[in-house]
């Protein structure tokens, strides 16, 4: 019998602490429907999710990630400011010793910028049409596990 992703996540949860994910909307982007859908979907997949809301600065995002002791920082951005804001989140998190936190992004990001973001420390960039299951699988495979 094959387990569903939710059952599998619950079994993982029974063995260890759930993966904690911070979902943030950096910059002046005022569109958060996708971030809210993702947050809800990741909760359904067994993750512990903290959603910061709209118009977060890189400093606010890293402060929240540090306070919440998250395993993943996920940022949704549609504003076009990704090359300024996302590397700054990586820089600040590394300055604070959060080297083991997986940092990812999603939204409208041109293909030409994806390699640059990965070189700056973004673990993965999820474009439009990426399923919640694909994102959850990536987090399970790449996020640190707290004990």
N, C-alpha and C. Protein backbone atom coordinates (compact mmCIF):
# COMPACT_ATOMS: atom_id res chain seq x y z
N UNK A 1 0.84 -1.18 0.00
CA UNK A 1 0.00 0.00 0.00
C UNK A 1 0.89 1.24 0.00
N UNK A 2 0.61 2.17 -0.88
CA UNK A 2 1.40 3.40 -1.02
C UNK A 2 0.82 4.47 -0.10
N UNK A 3 1.72 5.19 0.57
CA UNK A 3 1.30 6.28 1.45
C UNK A 3 1.06 7.53 0.63
N UNK A 4 0.09 8.33 1.05
CA UNK A 4 -0.10 9.64 0.45
C UNK A 4 0.96 10.57 1.02
N UNK A 5 1.22 11.72 0.37
CA UNK A 5 2.21 12.66 0.92
C UNK A 5 1.86 13.10 2.34
N UNK A 6 0.57 13.28 2.63
CA UNK A 6 0.17 13.72 3.97
C UNK A 6 0.46 12.62 4.98
N UNK A 7 0.15 11.36 4.64
CA UNK A 7 0.44 10.26 5.54
C UNK A 7 1.93 10.12 5.77
N UNK A 8 2.70 10.25 4.69
CA UNK A 8 4.15 10.15 4.79
C UNK A 8 4.71 11.25 5.69
N UNK A 9 4.22 12.48 5.52
CA UNK A 9 4.68 13.60 6.34
C UNK A 9 4.31 13.36 7.80
N UNK A 10 3.12 12.84 8.05
CA UNK A 10 2.71 12.56 9.43
C UNK A 10 3.59 11.48 10.04
N UNK A 11 3.97 10.48 9.26
CA UNK A 11 4.86 9.45 9.77
C UNK A 11 6.23 10.04 10.07
N UNK A 12 6.72 10.93 9.20
CA UNK A 12 7.97 11.63 9.46
C UNK A 12 7.86 12.44 10.74
N UNK A 13 6.71 13.10 10.93
CA UNK A 13 6.49 13.92 12.11
C UNK A 13 6.53 13.09 13.37
N UNK A 14 6.03 11.85 13.29
CA UNK A 14 6.02 10.98 14.46
C UNK A 14 7.45 10.61 14.85
N UNK A 15 8.38 10.62 13.88
CA UNK A 15 9.77 10.25 14.14
C UNK A 15 10.63 11.45 14.50
N UNK A 16 10.23 12.63 14.11
CA UNK A 16 11.04 13.82 14.36
C UNK A 16 10.16 15.05 14.34
N UNK A 17 10.77 16.17 14.62
CA UNK A 17 10.07 17.44 14.60
C UNK A 17 9.73 17.81 13.16
N UNK A 18 8.53 18.36 12.91
CA UNK A 18 8.20 18.77 11.54
C UNK A 18 9.15 19.85 11.03
N UNK A 19 9.32 19.87 9.74
CA UNK A 19 10.12 20.92 9.11
C UNK A 19 9.37 22.24 9.28
N UNK A 20 10.10 23.24 9.78
CA UNK A 20 9.51 24.57 9.99
C UNK A 20 9.87 25.46 8.81
N UNK A 21 8.84 26.04 8.20
CA UNK A 21 9.00 26.85 7.00
C UNK A 21 8.46 28.26 7.24
N UNK A 22 9.25 29.25 6.92
CA UNK A 22 8.80 30.64 6.95
C UNK A 22 8.49 31.04 5.52
N UNK A 23 7.27 31.50 5.27
CA UNK A 23 6.88 32.02 3.96
C UNK A 23 6.79 33.54 4.09
N UNK A 24 7.50 34.23 3.21
CA UNK A 24 7.58 35.70 3.29
C UNK A 24 7.34 36.33 1.93
N UNK A 25 6.84 37.55 1.95
CA UNK A 25 6.64 38.37 0.75
C UNK A 25 7.55 39.58 0.86
N UNK A 26 8.76 39.51 0.27
CA UNK A 26 9.69 40.63 0.40
C UNK A 26 9.32 41.81 -0.50
N UNK A 27 9.67 42.99 -0.05
CA UNK A 27 9.50 44.19 -0.87
C UNK A 27 8.09 44.72 -0.89
N UNK A 28 7.82 45.50 -1.92
CA UNK A 28 6.54 46.20 -2.01
C UNK A 28 5.47 45.41 -2.75
N UNK A 29 5.74 44.17 -3.05
CA UNK A 29 4.79 43.30 -3.73
C UNK A 29 3.53 43.17 -2.87
N UNK A 30 2.39 43.50 -3.42
CA UNK A 30 1.13 43.45 -2.68
C UNK A 30 0.25 42.27 -3.01
N UNK A 31 0.77 41.29 -3.72
CA UNK A 31 -0.02 40.13 -4.13
C UNK A 31 0.42 38.92 -3.32
N UNK A 32 -0.48 38.42 -2.46
CA UNK A 32 -0.08 37.32 -1.59
C UNK A 32 -0.93 36.06 -1.72
N UNK A 33 -1.77 35.99 -2.71
CA UNK A 33 -2.64 34.82 -2.86
C UNK A 33 -1.82 33.54 -2.99
N UNK A 34 -0.81 33.55 -3.86
CA UNK A 34 0.03 32.37 -4.05
C UNK A 34 0.74 31.95 -2.78
N UNK A 35 1.26 32.92 -2.03
CA UNK A 35 1.97 32.62 -0.79
C UNK A 35 1.01 31.99 0.22
N UNK A 36 -0.21 32.49 0.28
CA UNK A 36 -1.19 31.93 1.21
C UNK A 36 -1.60 30.52 0.80
N UNK A 37 -1.77 30.29 -0.49
CA UNK A 37 -2.11 28.95 -0.98
C UNK A 37 -0.97 27.98 -0.65
N UNK A 38 0.27 28.42 -0.87
CA UNK A 38 1.42 27.59 -0.56
C UNK A 38 1.50 27.29 0.93
N UNK A 39 1.31 28.30 1.76
CA UNK A 39 1.36 28.10 3.21
C UNK A 39 0.33 27.06 3.64
N UNK A 40 -0.87 27.19 3.14
CA UNK A 40 -1.94 26.25 3.49
C UNK A 40 -1.62 24.85 2.98
N UNK A 41 -1.12 24.76 1.75
CA UNK A 41 -0.77 23.46 1.17
C UNK A 41 0.36 22.78 1.91
N UNK A 42 1.37 23.54 2.32
CA UNK A 42 2.47 22.95 3.07
C UNK A 42 2.00 22.47 4.44
N UNK A 43 1.08 23.19 5.06
CA UNK A 43 0.51 22.72 6.33
C UNK A 43 -0.21 21.39 6.11
N UNK A 44 -0.96 21.31 5.03
CA UNK A 44 -1.65 20.05 4.71
C UNK A 44 -0.67 18.92 4.47
N UNK A 45 0.54 19.24 4.03
CA UNK A 45 1.58 18.24 3.78
C UNK A 45 2.34 17.86 5.06
N UNK A 46 2.01 18.49 6.17
CA UNK A 46 2.63 18.14 7.44
C UNK A 46 3.73 19.07 7.91
N UNK A 47 3.95 20.16 7.23
CA UNK A 47 4.97 21.13 7.63
C UNK A 47 4.39 22.09 8.66
N UNK A 48 5.27 22.67 9.46
CA UNK A 48 4.89 23.75 10.35
C UNK A 48 5.22 25.04 9.61
N UNK A 49 4.23 25.91 9.37
CA UNK A 49 4.41 27.07 8.50
C UNK A 49 4.13 28.35 9.26
N UNK A 50 5.03 29.30 9.08
CA UNK A 50 4.85 30.65 9.61
C UNK A 50 4.77 31.57 8.40
N UNK A 51 3.69 32.35 8.29
CA UNK A 51 3.53 33.29 7.19
C UNK A 51 3.70 34.69 7.73
N UNK A 52 4.62 35.46 7.14
CA UNK A 52 4.95 36.79 7.68
C UNK A 52 4.05 37.90 7.18
N UNK A 53 3.35 37.67 6.08
CA UNK A 53 2.53 38.73 5.52
C UNK A 53 3.28 39.54 4.48
N UNK A 54 2.62 40.58 4.02
CA UNK A 54 3.12 41.42 2.92
C UNK A 54 4.19 42.41 3.37
N UNK A 55 4.92 42.88 2.37
CA UNK A 55 5.84 44.03 2.47
C UNK A 55 6.90 43.87 3.56
N UNK A 56 7.60 42.75 3.50
CA UNK A 56 8.65 42.46 4.47
C UNK A 56 10.01 42.90 3.92
N UNK A 57 10.80 43.52 4.77
CA UNK A 57 12.17 43.84 4.39
C UNK A 57 13.03 42.60 4.60
N UNK A 58 14.19 42.53 3.97
CA UNK A 58 15.09 41.40 4.24
C UNK A 58 15.40 41.25 5.74
N UNK A 59 15.59 42.37 6.42
CA UNK A 59 15.86 42.33 7.85
C UNK A 59 14.69 41.72 8.62
N UNK A 60 13.48 42.09 8.27
CA UNK A 60 12.30 41.55 8.94
C UNK A 60 12.19 40.04 8.70
N UNK A 61 12.49 39.61 7.50
CA UNK A 61 12.40 38.19 7.16
C UNK A 61 13.42 37.39 7.97
N UNK A 62 14.65 37.86 8.01
CA UNK A 62 15.69 37.14 8.74
C UNK A 62 15.43 37.19 10.24
N UNK A 63 14.95 38.32 10.76
CA UNK A 63 14.58 38.39 12.18
C UNK A 63 13.54 37.32 12.52
N UNK A 64 12.50 37.23 11.70
CA UNK A 64 11.44 36.25 11.95
C UNK A 64 11.97 34.83 11.84
N UNK A 65 12.82 34.57 10.85
CA UNK A 65 13.38 33.23 10.67
C UNK A 65 14.24 32.83 11.87
N UNK A 66 15.00 33.78 12.36
CA UNK A 66 15.85 33.51 13.53
C UNK A 66 15.00 33.27 14.78
N UNK A 67 14.00 34.11 14.99
CA UNK A 67 13.14 33.97 16.17
C UNK A 67 12.34 32.67 16.15
N UNK A 68 11.92 32.27 14.96
CA UNK A 68 11.09 31.06 14.83
C UNK A 68 11.92 29.79 14.65
N UNK A 69 13.24 29.92 14.56
CA UNK A 69 14.14 28.78 14.39
C UNK A 69 13.68 27.88 13.24
N UNK A 70 13.54 28.49 12.07
CA UNK A 70 13.02 27.75 10.91
C UNK A 70 14.11 26.95 10.21
N UNK A 71 13.67 25.97 9.45
CA UNK A 71 14.55 25.15 8.63
C UNK A 71 14.61 25.67 7.20
N UNK A 72 13.55 26.37 6.77
CA UNK A 72 13.42 26.86 5.40
C UNK A 72 12.88 28.28 5.42
N UNK A 73 13.48 29.15 4.61
CA UNK A 73 12.90 30.46 4.31
C UNK A 73 12.45 30.39 2.86
N UNK A 74 11.16 30.57 2.64
CA UNK A 74 10.61 30.59 1.30
C UNK A 74 10.06 31.98 1.01
N UNK A 75 10.51 32.57 -0.07
CA UNK A 75 10.06 33.92 -0.42
C UNK A 75 9.33 33.89 -1.75
N UNK A 76 8.19 34.53 -1.77
CA UNK A 76 7.39 34.67 -2.98
C UNK A 76 7.49 36.11 -3.44
N UNK A 77 7.91 36.28 -4.70
CA UNK A 77 8.13 37.65 -5.18
C UNK A 77 7.65 37.78 -6.62
N UNK A 78 6.90 38.83 -6.85
CA UNK A 78 6.37 39.12 -8.18
C UNK A 78 6.75 40.51 -8.66
N UNK A 79 7.42 41.27 -7.82
CA UNK A 79 7.63 42.70 -8.07
C UNK A 79 8.79 43.02 -9.00
N UNK A 80 9.67 42.08 -9.26
CA UNK A 80 10.84 42.37 -10.07
C UNK A 80 12.05 42.82 -9.26
N UNK A 81 11.93 42.89 -7.95
CA UNK A 81 13.04 43.32 -7.10
C UNK A 81 13.84 42.13 -6.56
N UNK A 82 13.69 40.98 -7.16
CA UNK A 82 14.30 39.75 -6.65
C UNK A 82 15.83 39.81 -6.58
N UNK A 83 16.47 40.47 -7.54
CA UNK A 83 17.93 40.50 -7.56
C UNK A 83 18.51 41.38 -6.44
N UNK A 84 17.74 42.29 -5.92
CA UNK A 84 18.18 43.11 -4.79
C UNK A 84 17.80 42.49 -3.45
N UNK A 85 16.58 41.99 -3.34
CA UNK A 85 16.05 41.55 -2.05
C UNK A 85 16.48 40.13 -1.66
N UNK A 86 16.43 39.20 -2.58
CA UNK A 86 16.69 37.80 -2.21
C UNK A 86 18.14 37.56 -1.79
N UNK A 87 19.14 38.05 -2.54
CA UNK A 87 20.52 37.87 -2.07
C UNK A 87 20.78 38.54 -0.71
N UNK A 88 20.08 39.62 -0.44
CA UNK A 88 20.24 40.30 0.85
C UNK A 88 19.75 39.41 2.00
N UNK A 89 18.67 38.67 1.78
CA UNK A 89 18.19 37.73 2.80
C UNK A 89 19.25 36.66 3.06
N UNK A 90 19.85 36.15 2.00
CA UNK A 90 20.91 35.15 2.15
C UNK A 90 22.07 35.74 2.95
N UNK A 91 22.50 36.93 2.56
CA UNK A 91 23.63 37.59 3.22
C UNK A 91 23.36 37.79 4.72
N UNK A 92 22.20 38.32 5.06
CA UNK A 92 21.86 38.57 6.46
C UNK A 92 21.76 37.28 7.26
N UNK A 93 21.16 36.26 6.66
CA UNK A 93 21.02 35.00 7.39
C UNK A 93 22.40 34.37 7.64
N UNK A 94 23.30 34.47 6.69
CA UNK A 94 24.64 33.91 6.87
C UNK A 94 25.42 34.71 7.91
N UNK A 95 25.24 36.02 7.92
CA UNK A 95 25.91 36.86 8.93
C UNK A 95 25.48 36.47 10.34
N UNK A 96 24.27 35.96 10.48
CA UNK A 96 23.75 35.57 11.79
C UNK A 96 24.00 34.10 12.11
N UNK A 97 24.79 33.44 11.28
CA UNK A 97 25.12 32.05 11.55
C UNK A 97 24.04 31.05 11.17
N UNK A 98 23.11 31.45 10.33
CA UNK A 98 22.02 30.56 9.92
C UNK A 98 22.39 29.86 8.61
N UNK A 99 23.59 29.28 8.60
CA UNK A 99 24.12 28.65 7.39
C UNK A 99 23.35 27.40 6.98
N UNK A 100 22.68 26.78 7.94
CA UNK A 100 21.98 25.53 7.65
C UNK A 100 20.52 25.74 7.25
N UNK A 101 20.08 26.97 7.15
CA UNK A 101 18.70 27.26 6.74
C UNK A 101 18.63 27.27 5.21
N UNK A 102 17.74 26.45 4.67
CA UNK A 102 17.51 26.41 3.23
C UNK A 102 16.73 27.65 2.83
N UNK A 103 17.20 28.37 1.83
CA UNK A 103 16.53 29.59 1.37
C UNK A 103 16.12 29.37 -0.08
N UNK A 104 14.82 29.52 -0.34
CA UNK A 104 14.26 29.29 -1.67
C UNK A 104 13.37 30.46 -2.06
N UNK A 105 13.03 30.48 -3.35
CA UNK A 105 12.17 31.56 -3.85
C UNK A 105 11.20 31.01 -4.86
N UNK A 106 10.14 31.75 -5.05
CA UNK A 106 9.16 31.42 -6.07
C UNK A 106 8.48 32.68 -6.55
N UNK A 107 7.81 32.55 -7.68
CA UNK A 107 7.11 33.70 -8.23
C UNK A 107 7.51 33.92 -9.67
N UNK A 108 7.42 35.16 -10.06
CA UNK A 108 7.76 35.54 -11.43
C UNK A 108 9.21 36.01 -11.44
N UNK A 109 10.10 35.10 -11.82
CA UNK A 109 11.53 35.39 -11.86
C UNK A 109 12.03 34.95 -13.23
N UNK A 110 12.60 35.87 -14.00
CA UNK A 110 13.09 35.51 -15.34
C UNK A 110 14.13 34.39 -15.28
N UNK A 111 14.10 33.51 -16.27
CA UNK A 111 15.05 32.41 -16.35
C UNK A 111 16.49 32.90 -16.28
N UNK A 112 16.77 34.03 -16.89
CA UNK A 112 18.13 34.57 -16.91
C UNK A 112 18.65 34.91 -15.51
N UNK A 113 17.76 35.13 -14.55
CA UNK A 113 18.17 35.49 -13.20
C UNK A 113 18.28 34.29 -12.26
N UNK A 114 17.75 33.15 -12.65
CA UNK A 114 17.74 31.98 -11.77
C UNK A 114 19.15 31.55 -11.39
N UNK A 115 20.05 31.42 -12.36
CA UNK A 115 21.43 31.00 -12.07
C UNK A 115 22.12 32.01 -11.16
N UNK A 116 21.87 33.28 -11.37
CA UNK A 116 22.48 34.32 -10.53
C UNK A 116 21.99 34.19 -9.09
N UNK A 117 20.70 33.93 -8.92
CA UNK A 117 20.15 33.77 -7.57
C UNK A 117 20.72 32.53 -6.89
N UNK A 118 20.84 31.45 -7.64
CA UNK A 118 21.43 30.23 -7.06
C UNK A 118 22.88 30.47 -6.67
N UNK A 119 23.62 31.21 -7.49
CA UNK A 119 25.01 31.54 -7.16
C UNK A 119 25.09 32.41 -5.91
N UNK A 120 24.03 33.19 -5.65
CA UNK A 120 23.97 34.05 -4.47
C UNK A 120 23.51 33.31 -3.23
N UNK A 121 23.16 32.03 -3.37
CA UNK A 121 22.78 31.24 -2.20
C UNK A 121 21.34 30.79 -2.13
N UNK A 122 20.53 31.13 -3.12
CA UNK A 122 19.15 30.65 -3.15
C UNK A 122 19.20 29.18 -3.59
N UNK A 123 18.62 28.29 -2.79
CA UNK A 123 18.72 26.87 -3.07
C UNK A 123 17.96 26.43 -4.30
N UNK A 124 16.79 26.99 -4.49
CA UNK A 124 15.96 26.64 -5.64
C UNK A 124 15.01 27.79 -5.92
N UNK A 125 14.61 27.89 -7.18
CA UNK A 125 13.63 28.89 -7.60
C UNK A 125 12.48 28.13 -8.24
N UNK A 126 11.29 28.28 -7.67
CA UNK A 126 10.09 27.60 -8.15
C UNK A 126 9.26 28.58 -8.97
N UNK A 127 9.03 28.24 -10.21
CA UNK A 127 8.27 29.10 -11.09
C UNK A 127 6.79 28.80 -11.06
N UNK A 128 6.01 29.58 -11.80
CA UNK A 128 4.57 29.35 -11.89
C UNK A 128 4.30 27.92 -12.37
N UNK A 129 3.30 27.31 -11.78
CA UNK A 129 2.92 25.95 -12.16
C UNK A 129 3.58 24.86 -11.35
N UNK A 130 4.54 25.20 -10.50
CA UNK A 130 5.16 24.21 -9.63
C UNK A 130 4.12 23.74 -8.62
N UNK A 131 3.96 22.46 -8.46
CA UNK A 131 2.95 21.94 -7.52
C UNK A 131 3.45 22.02 -6.08
N UNK A 132 2.53 22.07 -5.17
CA UNK A 132 2.87 22.06 -3.76
C UNK A 132 3.59 20.76 -3.42
N UNK A 133 3.20 19.67 -4.04
CA UNK A 133 3.88 18.39 -3.81
C UNK A 133 5.34 18.43 -4.21
N UNK A 134 5.65 19.10 -5.34
CA UNK A 134 7.04 19.22 -5.77
C UNK A 134 7.85 20.05 -4.78
N UNK A 135 7.26 21.12 -4.31
CA UNK A 135 7.94 21.99 -3.34
C UNK A 135 8.14 21.23 -2.03
N UNK A 136 7.11 20.55 -1.56
CA UNK A 136 7.21 19.78 -0.32
C UNK A 136 8.30 18.71 -0.44
N UNK A 137 8.36 18.03 -1.58
CA UNK A 137 9.38 17.02 -1.79
C UNK A 137 10.78 17.61 -1.74
N UNK A 138 10.95 18.77 -2.35
CA UNK A 138 12.25 19.44 -2.33
C UNK A 138 12.64 19.79 -0.89
N UNK A 139 11.69 20.33 -0.13
CA UNK A 139 11.98 20.68 1.26
C UNK A 139 12.36 19.44 2.06
N UNK A 140 11.63 18.35 1.90
CA UNK A 140 11.93 17.13 2.63
C UNK A 140 13.33 16.61 2.30
N UNK A 141 13.74 16.77 1.06
CA UNK A 141 15.03 16.26 0.63
C UNK A 141 16.18 17.17 1.05
N UNK A 142 15.97 18.49 1.07
CA UNK A 142 17.08 19.42 1.23
C UNK A 142 17.11 20.20 2.55
N UNK A 143 16.03 20.26 3.29
CA UNK A 143 16.03 21.04 4.54
C UNK A 143 16.74 20.26 5.64
N UNK A 144 17.39 20.97 6.51
CA UNK A 144 18.00 20.33 7.67
C UNK A 144 16.88 19.77 8.53
N UNK A 145 17.17 18.78 9.31
CA UNK A 145 16.17 18.23 10.23
C UNK A 145 16.63 18.51 11.65
N UNK A 146 15.79 19.21 12.39
CA UNK A 146 16.08 19.44 13.80
C UNK A 146 15.73 18.19 14.59
N UNK A 147 16.41 17.97 15.66
CA UNK A 147 16.10 16.80 16.50
C UNK A 147 15.64 17.23 17.86
